[in-house]
Amino acid sequence: MELEALQQVLPEMQALHATLIAISPMREAFLKQMAEKNHLAFDLLRDQGNTVAETFGLRFSLPQDMRELYKTFGVDLSRFNGDDSWTLPMPGRYVIDLQGIIRSADVNPDYTVRPDPTESLAVLKNLR
């Protein structure tokens, strides 16, 4: 699972004086449950309405047939995210330096393909 992989590289990131955060459209209660369940030691921030994802061009809307399929699996995005937009962010990872410059970006429109956290760790090591 991606969160576990992020948690595993966290100590190395912290040793490089980096901060790790995750951003999700999920409501705070669900983010808290996820953090507790996975024993996460990094912040999970809420992107209400996927506005940050939209700013970065990473937000997409699920078509009606996919909405119905999600519901058959018990996934009700309107309940989890607190709105009825049925939008999701594309999974991505950014390494941003102290001057606010994006030094690495990894985004995939296929939500099942997640960036490898060790690649971000390598970028951090190269920034030193």
C-alpha atoms as a PDB file:
ATOM      1  CA  MET A   1       0.000   0.000   0.000  1.00  0.00           C
ATOM      2  CA  GLU A   2       1.236   3.452  -0.872  1.00  0.00           C
ATOM      3  CA  LEU A   3       0.786   4.948   2.588  1.00  0.00           C
ATOM      4  CA  GLU A   4       2.880   2.203   4.147  1.00  0.00           C
ATOM      5  CA  ALA A   5       5.618   2.798   1.569  1.00  0.00           C
ATOM      6  CA  LEU A   6       5.577   6.510   2.369  1.00  0.00           C
ATOM      7  CA  GLN A   7       5.753   5.780   6.090  1.00  0.00           C
ATOM      8  CA  GLN A   8       8.761   3.496   5.486  1.00  0.00           C
ATOM      9  CA  VAL A   9      10.814   6.206   3.746  1.00  0.00           C
ATOM     10  CA  LEU A  10       9.754   8.926   6.186  1.00  0.00           C
ATOM     11  CA  PRO A  11      12.744   8.521   8.557  1.00  0.00           C
ATOM     12  CA  GLU A  12      15.178   8.914   5.649  1.00  0.00           C
ATOM     13  CA  MET A  13      13.296  11.971   4.403  1.00  0.00           C
ATOM     14  CA  GLN A  14      13.353  13.504   7.865  1.00  0.00           C
ATOM     15  CA  ALA A  15      17.096  12.818   8.102  1.00  0.00           C
ATOM     16  CA  LEU A  16      17.424  14.946   4.950  1.00  0.00           C
ATOM     17  CA  HIS A  17      15.364  17.697   6.669  1.00  0.00           C
ATOM     18  CA  ALA A  18      12.418  17.125   4.332  1.00  0.00           C
ATOM     19  CA  THR A  19       8.749  17.302   5.242  1.00  0.00           C
ATOM     20  CA  LEU A  20       6.291  14.770   3.885  1.00  0.00           C
ATOM     21  CA  ILE A  21       2.609  15.583   3.539  1.00  0.00           C
ATOM     22  CA  ALA A  22      -0.216  13.839   1.720  1.00  0.00           C
ATOM     23  CA  ILE A  23      -3.208  15.658   0.280  1.00  0.00           C
ATOM     24  CA  SER A  24      -6.613  14.053  -0.229  1.00  0.00           C
ATOM     25  CA  PRO A  25     -10.156  15.239  -0.893  1.00  0.00           C
ATOM     26  CA  MET A  26     -11.452  12.946   1.871  1.00  0.00           C
ATOM     27  CA  ARG A  27     -13.265  14.469   4.836  1.00  0.00           C
ATOM     28  CA  GLU A  28     -11.207  14.982   7.989  1.00  0.00           C
ATOM     29  CA  ALA A  29     -12.845  12.093   9.853  1.00  0.00           C
ATOM     30  CA  PHE A  30     -11.796   9.633   7.156  1.00  0.00           C
ATOM     31  CA  LEU A  31      -8.295  11.103   6.969  1.00  0.00           C
ATOM     32  CA  LYS A  32      -7.941  10.685  10.721  1.00  0.00           C
ATOM     33  CA  GLN A  33      -9.108   7.070  10.509  1.00  0.00           C
ATOM     34  CA  MET A  34      -6.611   6.391   7.730  1.00  0.00           C
ATOM     35  CA  ALA A  35      -3.752   7.954   9.687  1.00  0.00           C
ATOM     36  CA  GLU A  36      -4.585   5.969  12.812  1.00  0.00           C
ATOM     37  CA  LYS A  37      -5.137   2.684  10.969  1.00  0.00           C
ATOM     38  CA  ASN A  38      -1.811   2.971   9.140  1.00  0.00           C
ATOM     39  CA  HIS A  39       0.128   4.525  12.058  1.00  0.00           C
ATOM     40  CA  LEU A  40       1.178   7.460   9.901  1.00  0.00           C
ATOM     41  CA  ALA A  41       3.669   9.955  11.303  1.00  0.00           C
ATOM     42  CA  PHE A  42       3.170  12.527   8.537  1.00  0.00           C
ATOM     43  CA  ASP A  43       0.357  14.978   7.936  1.00  0.00           C
ATOM     44  CA  LEU A  44      -2.679  14.202   5.816  1.00  0.00           C
ATOM     45  CA  LEU A  45      -4.229  17.430   4.558  1.00  0.00           C
ATOM     46  CA  ARG A  46      -7.681  17.852   3.090  1.00  0.00           C
ATOM     47  CA  ASP A  47      -8.178  19.311  -0.355  1.00  0.00           C
ATOM     48  CA  GLN A  48     -11.856  20.138  -0.038  1.00  0.00           C
ATOM     49  CA  GLY A  49     -13.558  19.874  -3.407  1.00  0.00           C
ATOM     50  CA  ASN A  50     -10.233  18.923  -5.032  1.00  0.00           C
ATOM     51  CA  THR A  51      -9.444  22.613  -5.535  1.00  0.00           C
ATOM     52  CA  VAL A  52      -5.669  22.141  -5.190  1.00  0.00           C
ATOM     53  CA  ALA A  53      -5.806  19.181  -7.577  1.00  0.00           C
ATOM     54  CA  GLU A  54      -7.753  21.331 -10.027  1.00  0.00           C
ATOM     55  CA  THR A  55      -5.177  24.125  -9.745  1.00  0.00           C
ATOM     56  CA  PHE A  56      -2.453  21.644 -10.714  1.00  0.00           C
ATOM     57  CA  GLY A  57      -4.588  20.205 -13.531  1.00  0.00           C
ATOM     58  CA  LEU A  58      -4.928  16.874 -11.718  1.00  0.00           C
ATOM     59  CA  ARG A  59      -8.658  16.700 -11.037  1.00  0.00           C
ATOM     60  CA  PHE A  60     -10.940  14.489 -13.081  1.00  0.00           C
ATOM     61  CA  SER A  61     -14.615  13.642 -12.898  1.00  0.00           C
ATOM     62  CA  LEU A  62     -15.829  10.052 -12.842  1.00  0.00           C
ATOM     63  CA  PRO A  63     -18.363   9.207 -15.558  1.00  0.00           C
ATOM     64  CA  GLN A  64     -21.761   7.918 -14.460  1.00  0.00           C
ATOM     65  CA  ASP A  65     -20.988   4.255 -15.226  1.00  0.00           C
ATOM     66  CA  MET A  66     -17.861   4.399 -13.032  1.00  0.00           C
ATOM     67  CA  ARG A  67     -19.863   6.038 -10.249  1.00  0.00           C
ATOM     68  CA  GLU A  68     -22.284   3.130 -10.295  1.00  0.00           C
ATOM     69  CA  LEU A  69     -19.417   0.629 -10.309  1.00  0.00           C
ATOM     70  CA  TYR A  70     -17.784   2.350  -7.321  1.00  0.00           C
ATOM     71  CA  LYS A  71     -21.082   2.191  -5.465  1.00  0.00           C
ATOM     72  CA  THR A  72     -21.337  -1.585  -6.034  1.00  0.00           C
ATOM     73  CA  PHE A  73     -18.019  -1.862  -4.165  1.00  0.00           C
ATOM     74  CA  GLY A  74     -19.314   0.322  -1.331  1.00  0.00           C
ATOM     75  CA  VAL A  75     -17.279   3.351  -2.388  1.00  0.00           C
ATOM     76  CA  ASP A  76     -19.451   6.444  -2.147  1.00  0.00           C
ATOM     77  CA  LEU A  77     -17.207   9.389  -2.970  1.00  0.00           C
ATOM     78  CA  SER A  78     -19.895  11.897  -2.036  1.00  0.00           C
ATOM     79  CA  ARG A  79     -19.875  10.467   1.504  1.00  0.00           C
ATOM     80  CA  PHE A  80     -16.085  10.155   1.751  1.00  0.00           C
ATOM     81  CA  ASN A  81     -15.323  13.543   0.225  1.00  0.00           C
ATOM     82  CA  GLY A  82     -18.261  15.532   1.523  1.00  0.00           C
ATOM     83  CA  ASP A  83     -19.500  16.763  -1.844  1.00  0.00           C
ATOM     84  CA  ASP A  84     -21.374  15.332  -4.807  1.00  0.00           C
ATOM     85  CA  SER A  85     -18.849  16.223  -7.506  1.00  0.00           C
ATOM     86  CA  TRP A  86     -17.530  12.660  -7.897  1.00  0.00           C
ATOM     87  CA  THR A  87     -14.107  14.038  -8.739  1.00  0.00           C
ATOM     88  CA  LEU A  88     -10.755  12.527  -7.862  1.00  0.00           C
ATOM     89  CA  PRO A  89      -7.182  13.753  -8.061  1.00  0.00           C
ATOM     90  CA  MET A  90      -4.623  11.955 -10.194  1.00  0.00           C
ATOM     91  CA  PRO A  91      -2.001  10.418  -7.933  1.00  0.00           C
ATOM     92  CA  GLY A  92       1.140  12.479  -7.935  1.00  0.00           C
ATOM     93  CA  ARG A  93       4.204  13.318  -5.955  1.00  0.00           C
ATOM     94  CA  TYR A  94       6.147  16.575  -5.918  1.00  0.00           C
ATOM     95  CA  VAL A  95       9.519  17.423  -4.432  1.00  0.00           C
ATOM     96  CA  ILE A  96       9.589  21.150  -3.694  1.00  0.00           C
ATOM     97  CA  ASP A  97      12.704  22.907  -2.453  1.00  0.00           C
ATOM     98  CA  LEU A  98      12.884  25.577   0.236  1.00  0.00           C
ATOM     99  CA  GLN A  99      12.508  28.325  -2.390  1.00  0.00           C
ATOM    100  CA  GLY A 100       9.207  26.799  -3.542  1.00  0.00           C
ATOM    101  CA  ILE A 101      10.632  25.434  -6.797  1.00  0.00           C
ATOM    102  CA  ILE A 102       9.269  22.069  -7.916  1.00  0.00           C
ATOM    103  CA  ARG A 103      12.365  19.914  -8.391  1.00  0.00           C
ATOM    104  CA  SER A 104      10.556  16.715  -9.298  1.00  0.00           C
ATOM    105  CA  ALA A 105       7.024  15.847 -10.347  1.00  0.00           C
ATOM    106  CA  ASP A 106       5.561  12.425 -10.921  1.00  0.00           C
ATOM    107  CA  VAL A 107       1.908  12.205 -11.986  1.00  0.00           C
ATOM    108  CA  ASN A 108       0.018   9.447 -13.733  1.00  0.00           C
ATOM    109  CA  PRO A 109      -3.534   9.718 -15.065  1.00  0.00           C
ATOM    110  CA  ASP A 110      -4.017   6.033 -14.156  1.00  0.00           C
ATOM    111  CA  TYR A 111      -5.032   6.180 -10.494  1.00  0.00           C
ATOM    112  CA  THR A 112      -3.770   2.626  -9.963  1.00  0.00           C
ATOM    113  CA  VAL A 113      -0.190   3.653 -10.784  1.00  0.00           C
ATOM    114  CA  ARG A 114       1.410   5.360  -7.811  1.00  0.00           C
ATOM    115  CA  PRO A 115       4.798   7.074  -7.764  1.00  0.00           C
ATOM    116  CA  ASP A 116       7.549   5.121  -6.008  1.00  0.00           C
ATOM    117  CA  PRO A 117       8.545   6.947  -2.791  1.00  0.00           C
ATOM    118  CA  THR A 118      12.169   5.836  -3.167  1.00  0.00           C
ATOM    119  CA  GLU A 119      12.389   7.898  -6.357  1.00  0.00           C
ATOM    120  CA  SER A 120      11.399  10.997  -4.391  1.00  0.00           C
ATOM    121  CA  LEU A 121      13.978  10.058  -1.780  1.00  0.00           C
ATOM    122  CA  ALA A 122      16.653   9.916  -4.498  1.00  0.00           C
ATOM    123  CA  VAL A 123      15.678  13.414  -5.681  1.00  0.00           C
ATOM    124  CA  LEU A 124      15.978  14.690  -2.098  1.00  0.00           C
ATOM    125  CA  LYS A 125      19.434  13.181  -1.755  1.00  0.00           C
ATOM    126  CA  ASN A 126      20.517  14.870  -4.998  1.00  0.00           C
ATOM    127  CA  LEU A 127      19.318  18.257  -3.726  1.00  0.00           C
ATOM    128  CA  ARG A 128      21.754  18.173  -0.828  1.00  0.00           C
END
